[in-house]
Every structure is written in structure tokens, then in C-alpha cells.
């Protein structure tokens, strides 16, 4: 019973702190409306995630580079300006890793 009370108190403190769990890449894509320009495998207004993954294939720093581009927005390669993606650094890195996993 004592451990149950400890767990319940910890969960209550976590909920009260306003802390939230990291968003999934799919949630960020939906929230930021990435699918307006990007799809998983076909070019729409912008390169597909698979094309982006192909561009960065073999680049060990690709996830960091993509996350930085998403965070800052602006000109990305010879494409149109990309809007800033409102997400934490950890979420941007997870999104970049998700994009790099597209086939």
C-alpha cells in the first residue's frame, strides 16, 4: 500500500508540474501541417521524406542538420523557404530521425 501511495503522489506531482511527454514525429507532422508540402514517398510541393533521406544517406550528422534547419526555417537548399517548426530540440531530432528512416 505504501508503494501505491508513493507512485500516486509522484504521478500527481508530475501532472501538476505541467510537464509533458515528448510528441511523436507523427503528431508533429500533423500539428505543423507538414503533409501540406511533404509526403512519405512522392514529391508534392516539396521533396518526399524518402527523397530527403536519400539526399542525406551516409551523412552521420544528418539528423542534427535537419533538426537545425527545421528549427531555424528559411532557405533549405534550392527549395522554397521552409517555415520554422515549433517543437523542442529533442522532438526536432526525433522528427529528423523519422524523416531519415523513410524509404
N, C-alpha and C. Protein backbone atom coordinates (compact mmCIF):
# COMPACT_ATOMS: atom_id res chain seq x y z
N UNK A 1 0.83 -1.19 0.00
CA UNK A 1 0.00 0.00 0.00
C UNK A 1 0.87 1.25 0.00
N UNK A 2 1.99 1.19 0.75
CA UNK A 2 2.86 2.36 0.83
C UNK A 2 3.43 2.70 -0.56
N UNK A 3 3.80 1.69 -1.35
CA UNK A 3 4.35 1.96 -2.68
C UNK A 3 3.28 2.55 -3.60
N UNK A 4 2.03 2.12 -3.44
CA UNK A 4 0.95 2.69 -4.24
C UNK A 4 0.79 4.18 -3.96
N UNK A 5 0.84 4.55 -2.70
CA UNK A 5 0.71 5.96 -2.32
C UNK A 5 1.88 6.76 -2.89
N UNK A 6 3.09 6.19 -2.84
CA UNK A 6 4.27 6.87 -3.38
C UNK A 6 4.13 7.07 -4.88
N UNK A 7 3.69 6.05 -5.58
CA UNK A 7 3.51 6.15 -7.03
C UNK A 7 2.43 7.18 -7.35
N UNK A 8 1.32 7.14 -6.64
CA UNK A 8 0.23 8.08 -6.88
C UNK A 8 0.69 9.51 -6.63
N UNK A 9 1.45 9.73 -5.57
CA UNK A 9 1.95 11.07 -5.26
C UNK A 9 2.92 11.56 -6.34
N UNK A 10 3.76 10.67 -6.82
CA UNK A 10 4.71 11.03 -7.87
C UNK A 10 3.98 11.41 -9.14
N UNK A 11 2.98 10.62 -9.53
CA UNK A 11 2.20 10.93 -10.73
C UNK A 11 1.44 12.25 -10.58
N UNK A 12 0.90 12.49 -9.40
CA UNK A 12 0.18 13.75 -9.16
C UNK A 12 1.13 14.94 -9.26
N UNK A 13 2.32 14.80 -8.71
CA UNK A 13 3.30 15.89 -8.78
C UNK A 13 3.72 16.14 -10.22
N UNK A 14 3.92 15.08 -10.98
CA UNK A 14 4.29 15.21 -12.39
C UNK A 14 3.19 15.93 -13.16
N UNK A 15 1.94 15.53 -12.94
CA UNK A 15 0.82 16.15 -13.65
C UNK A 15 0.68 17.62 -13.26
N UNK A 16 0.87 17.94 -12.01
CA UNK A 16 0.75 19.32 -11.53
C UNK A 16 1.87 20.21 -12.02
N UNK A 17 3.01 19.62 -12.33
CA UNK A 17 4.15 20.43 -12.75
C UNK A 17 3.98 20.99 -14.15
N UNK A 18 3.03 20.46 -14.90
CA UNK A 18 2.82 20.92 -16.27
C UNK A 18 3.78 20.28 -17.25
N UNK A 19 4.56 19.34 -16.79
CA UNK A 19 5.49 18.66 -17.70
C UNK A 19 4.71 17.81 -18.67
N UNK A 20 5.22 17.69 -19.87
CA UNK A 20 4.54 16.86 -20.85
C UNK A 20 5.52 15.90 -21.48
N UNK A 21 5.00 14.84 -22.01
CA UNK A 21 5.83 13.87 -22.69
C UNK A 21 6.18 14.39 -24.08
N UNK A 22 7.24 13.90 -24.63
CA UNK A 22 7.65 14.30 -25.96
C UNK A 22 6.58 13.90 -26.98
N UNK A 23 6.43 14.74 -27.99
CA UNK A 23 5.47 14.46 -29.04
C UNK A 23 6.07 13.44 -30.00
N UNK A 24 5.21 12.64 -30.60
CA UNK A 24 5.70 11.69 -31.60
C UNK A 24 5.93 12.44 -32.91
N UNK A 25 6.80 11.93 -33.77
CA UNK A 25 7.01 12.59 -35.07
C UNK A 25 5.69 12.75 -35.85
N UNK A 26 4.83 11.73 -35.79
CA UNK A 26 3.56 11.82 -36.49
C UNK A 26 2.70 12.95 -35.96
N UNK A 27 2.74 13.17 -34.62
CA UNK A 27 1.98 14.26 -34.02
C UNK A 27 2.52 15.62 -34.48
N UNK A 28 3.84 15.74 -34.55
CA UNK A 28 4.45 17.00 -35.01
C UNK A 28 4.09 17.25 -36.47
N UNK A 29 4.16 16.21 -37.30
CA UNK A 29 3.82 16.35 -38.71
C UNK A 29 2.37 16.83 -38.86
N UNK A 30 1.47 16.27 -38.06
CA UNK A 30 0.06 16.68 -38.13
C UNK A 30 -0.11 18.11 -37.62
N UNK A 31 0.49 18.42 -36.48
CA UNK A 31 0.34 19.74 -35.86
C UNK A 31 0.92 20.84 -36.74
N UNK A 32 2.07 20.58 -37.33
CA UNK A 32 2.75 21.59 -38.15
C UNK A 32 2.30 21.57 -39.62
N UNK A 33 1.38 20.65 -39.94
CA UNK A 33 0.83 20.53 -41.29
C UNK A 33 1.91 20.28 -42.35
N UNK A 34 2.89 19.45 -41.99
CA UNK A 34 3.98 19.10 -42.91
C UNK A 34 3.45 18.44 -44.18
N UNK A 35 2.33 17.71 -44.04
CA UNK A 35 1.80 16.98 -45.19
C UNK A 35 1.20 17.89 -46.24
N UNK A 36 1.11 19.18 -45.96
CA UNK A 36 0.67 20.13 -46.98
C UNK A 36 1.68 20.15 -48.13
N UNK A 37 2.97 20.01 -47.79
CA UNK A 37 4.03 20.06 -48.81
C UNK A 37 4.77 18.74 -48.99
N UNK A 38 4.83 17.91 -47.96
CA UNK A 38 5.62 16.68 -47.99
C UNK A 38 4.72 15.45 -47.88
N UNK A 39 5.15 14.37 -48.51
CA UNK A 39 4.55 13.06 -48.29
C UNK A 39 5.68 12.09 -47.98
N UNK A 40 5.33 10.88 -47.65
CA UNK A 40 6.37 9.89 -47.31
C UNK A 40 7.21 9.50 -48.51
N UNK A 41 6.57 9.32 -49.67
CA UNK A 41 7.32 8.76 -50.80
C UNK A 41 7.21 9.51 -52.12
N UNK A 42 6.28 10.44 -52.25
CA UNK A 42 6.13 11.14 -53.52
C UNK A 42 6.33 12.64 -53.35
N UNK A 43 6.85 13.27 -54.39
CA UNK A 43 7.05 14.71 -54.35
C UNK A 43 5.70 15.40 -54.51
N UNK A 44 5.46 16.36 -53.67
CA UNK A 44 4.22 17.14 -53.72
C UNK A 44 4.67 18.57 -54.05
N UNK A 45 4.61 19.49 -53.11
CA UNK A 45 5.18 20.82 -53.28
C UNK A 45 6.66 20.82 -52.92
N UNK A 46 7.04 19.87 -52.11
CA UNK A 46 8.41 19.77 -51.61
C UNK A 46 8.85 18.31 -51.69
N UNK A 47 10.13 18.05 -51.51
CA UNK A 47 10.61 16.66 -51.60
C UNK A 47 9.92 15.74 -50.60
N UNK A 48 9.78 14.49 -50.98
CA UNK A 48 9.23 13.49 -50.07
C UNK A 48 10.24 13.22 -48.96
N UNK A 49 9.76 12.62 -47.89
CA UNK A 49 10.68 12.24 -46.81
C UNK A 49 11.70 11.23 -47.32
N UNK A 50 11.28 10.34 -48.23
CA UNK A 50 12.21 9.36 -48.80
C UNK A 50 13.31 10.06 -49.60
N UNK A 51 12.96 11.11 -50.35
CA UNK A 51 13.95 11.85 -51.13
C UNK A 51 14.93 12.57 -50.20
N UNK A 52 14.41 13.11 -49.12
CA UNK A 52 15.28 13.79 -48.14
C UNK A 52 16.23 12.77 -47.51
N UNK A 53 15.70 11.60 -47.16
CA UNK A 53 16.54 10.55 -46.58
C UNK A 53 17.63 10.14 -47.56
N UNK A 54 17.28 10.03 -48.83
CA UNK A 54 18.26 9.68 -49.85
C UNK A 54 19.35 10.73 -49.99
N UNK A 55 18.96 11.98 -49.90
CA UNK A 55 19.91 13.09 -50.01
C UNK A 55 20.96 13.03 -48.91
N UNK A 56 20.54 12.63 -47.72
CA UNK A 56 21.44 12.62 -46.56
C UNK A 56 22.03 11.24 -46.28
N UNK A 57 21.77 10.27 -47.14
CA UNK A 57 22.27 8.90 -46.90
C UNK A 57 23.78 8.91 -46.71
N UNK A 58 24.24 8.28 -45.64
CA UNK A 58 25.67 8.19 -45.35
C UNK A 58 26.22 9.38 -44.58
N UNK A 59 25.41 10.39 -44.33
CA UNK A 59 25.85 11.56 -43.59
C UNK A 59 25.57 11.33 -42.11
N UNK A 60 26.62 11.14 -41.33
CA UNK A 60 26.47 10.82 -39.90
C UNK A 60 25.80 11.94 -39.12
N UNK A 61 25.91 13.19 -39.58
CA UNK A 61 25.35 14.33 -38.86
C UNK A 61 24.01 14.78 -39.45
N UNK A 62 23.40 13.95 -40.28
CA UNK A 62 22.18 14.33 -40.99
C UNK A 62 21.05 14.72 -40.04
N UNK A 63 20.81 13.96 -39.00
CA UNK A 63 19.69 14.25 -38.09
C UNK A 63 19.88 15.62 -37.43
N UNK A 64 21.10 15.92 -37.03
CA UNK A 64 21.36 17.23 -36.41
C UNK A 64 21.16 18.36 -37.42
N UNK A 65 21.61 18.15 -38.65
CA UNK A 65 21.48 19.17 -39.69
C UNK A 65 20.01 19.43 -40.02
N UNK A 66 19.24 18.36 -40.19
CA UNK A 66 17.81 18.52 -40.49
C UNK A 66 17.10 19.19 -39.33
N UNK A 67 17.38 18.78 -38.11
CA UNK A 67 16.75 19.38 -36.94
C UNK A 67 17.05 20.88 -36.87
N UNK A 68 18.29 21.26 -37.15
CA UNK A 68 18.67 22.67 -37.14
C UNK A 68 17.92 23.45 -38.22
N UNK A 69 17.79 22.85 -39.41
CA UNK A 69 17.06 23.52 -40.49
C UNK A 69 15.58 23.69 -40.13
N UNK A 70 14.99 22.68 -39.50
CA UNK A 70 13.59 22.78 -39.10
C UNK A 70 13.41 23.83 -38.01
N UNK A 71 14.38 23.93 -37.12
CA UNK A 71 14.30 24.89 -36.02
C UNK A 71 14.42 26.33 -36.52
N UNK A 72 15.33 26.57 -37.47
CA UNK A 72 15.58 27.94 -37.91
C UNK A 72 14.68 28.38 -39.06
N UNK A 73 14.19 27.43 -39.85
CA UNK A 73 13.38 27.79 -41.01
C UNK A 73 14.25 28.45 -42.07
N UNK A 74 13.63 29.14 -43.00
CA UNK A 74 14.37 29.84 -44.03
C UNK A 74 14.71 28.96 -45.22
N UNK A 75 15.67 29.40 -46.01
CA UNK A 75 16.04 28.72 -47.25
C UNK A 75 16.68 27.37 -46.94
N UNK A 76 16.17 26.31 -47.56
CA UNK A 76 16.71 24.97 -47.41
C UNK A 76 17.08 24.48 -48.80
N UNK A 77 18.36 24.44 -49.10
CA UNK A 77 18.82 24.02 -50.42
C UNK A 77 18.28 24.96 -51.48
N UNK A 78 17.83 24.41 -52.59
CA UNK A 78 17.27 25.25 -53.65
C UNK A 78 15.74 25.25 -53.61
N UNK A 79 15.19 24.81 -52.49
CA UNK A 79 13.74 24.78 -52.32
C UNK A 79 13.24 26.13 -51.82
N UNK A 80 11.92 26.26 -51.74
CA UNK A 80 11.31 27.45 -51.17
C UNK A 80 11.67 27.56 -49.70
N UNK A 81 11.42 28.72 -49.12
CA UNK A 81 11.66 28.89 -47.70
C UNK A 81 10.82 27.89 -46.91
N UNK A 82 11.44 27.33 -45.89
CA UNK A 82 10.75 26.38 -45.01
C UNK A 82 10.37 27.11 -43.74
N UNK A 83 9.15 26.92 -43.26
CA UNK A 83 8.75 27.59 -42.03
C UNK A 83 9.44 26.95 -40.83
N UNK A 84 9.54 27.70 -39.75
CA UNK A 84 10.10 27.17 -38.51
C UNK A 84 9.11 26.15 -37.94
N UNK A 85 9.65 25.07 -37.40
CA UNK A 85 8.81 24.05 -36.78
C UNK A 85 8.88 24.26 -35.28
N UNK A 86 7.72 24.49 -34.67
CA UNK A 86 7.63 24.77 -33.24
C UNK A 86 7.64 23.46 -32.46
N UNK A 87 8.82 23.06 -32.01
CA UNK A 87 8.97 21.84 -31.22
C UNK A 87 10.27 21.93 -30.45
N UNK A 88 10.40 21.11 -29.44
CA UNK A 88 11.63 21.10 -28.65
C UNK A 88 12.78 20.52 -29.48
N UNK A 89 14.00 20.76 -29.04
CA UNK A 89 15.16 20.22 -29.74
C UNK A 89 15.09 18.70 -29.83
N UNK A 90 14.67 18.07 -28.73
CA UNK A 90 14.56 16.61 -28.71
C UNK A 90 13.50 16.13 -29.71
N UNK A 91 12.37 16.84 -29.78
CA UNK A 91 11.32 16.46 -30.72
C UNK A 91 11.77 16.68 -32.16
N UNK A 92 12.52 17.75 -32.42
CA UNK A 92 13.02 18.00 -33.76
C UNK A 92 14.01 16.92 -34.18
N UNK A 93 14.84 16.49 -33.24
CA UNK A 93 15.79 15.42 -33.55
C UNK A 93 15.04 14.11 -33.84
N UNK A 94 14.00 13.84 -33.06
CA UNK A 94 13.19 12.63 -33.31
C UNK A 94 12.49 12.73 -34.66
N UNK A 95 12.01 13.91 -35.03
CA UNK A 95 11.37 14.10 -36.32
C UNK A 95 12.38 13.91 -37.44
N UNK A 96 13.58 14.45 -37.28
CA UNK A 96 14.63 14.28 -38.29
C UNK A 96 14.98 12.81 -38.46
N UNK A 97 15.09 12.08 -37.38
CA UNK A 97 15.39 10.65 -37.44
C UNK A 97 14.26 9.91 -38.14
N UNK A 98 13.03 10.30 -37.87
CA UNK A 98 11.88 9.70 -38.55
C UNK A 98 11.95 9.94 -40.06
N UNK A 99 12.25 11.17 -40.46
CA UNK A 99 12.37 11.51 -41.88
C UNK A 99 13.48 10.68 -42.52
N UNK A 100 14.61 10.58 -41.84
CA UNK A 100 15.73 9.83 -42.38
C UNK A 100 15.45 8.34 -42.52
N UNK A 101 14.45 7.85 -41.81
CA UNK A 101 14.07 6.44 -41.89
C UNK A 101 13.08 6.14 -43.00
N UNK A 102 12.63 7.19 -43.71
CA UNK A 102 11.66 6.98 -44.79
C UNK A 102 12.29 6.26 -45.96
N UNK A 103 11.52 5.39 -46.59
CA UNK A 103 12.02 4.63 -47.76
C UNK A 103 11.06 4.72 -48.90
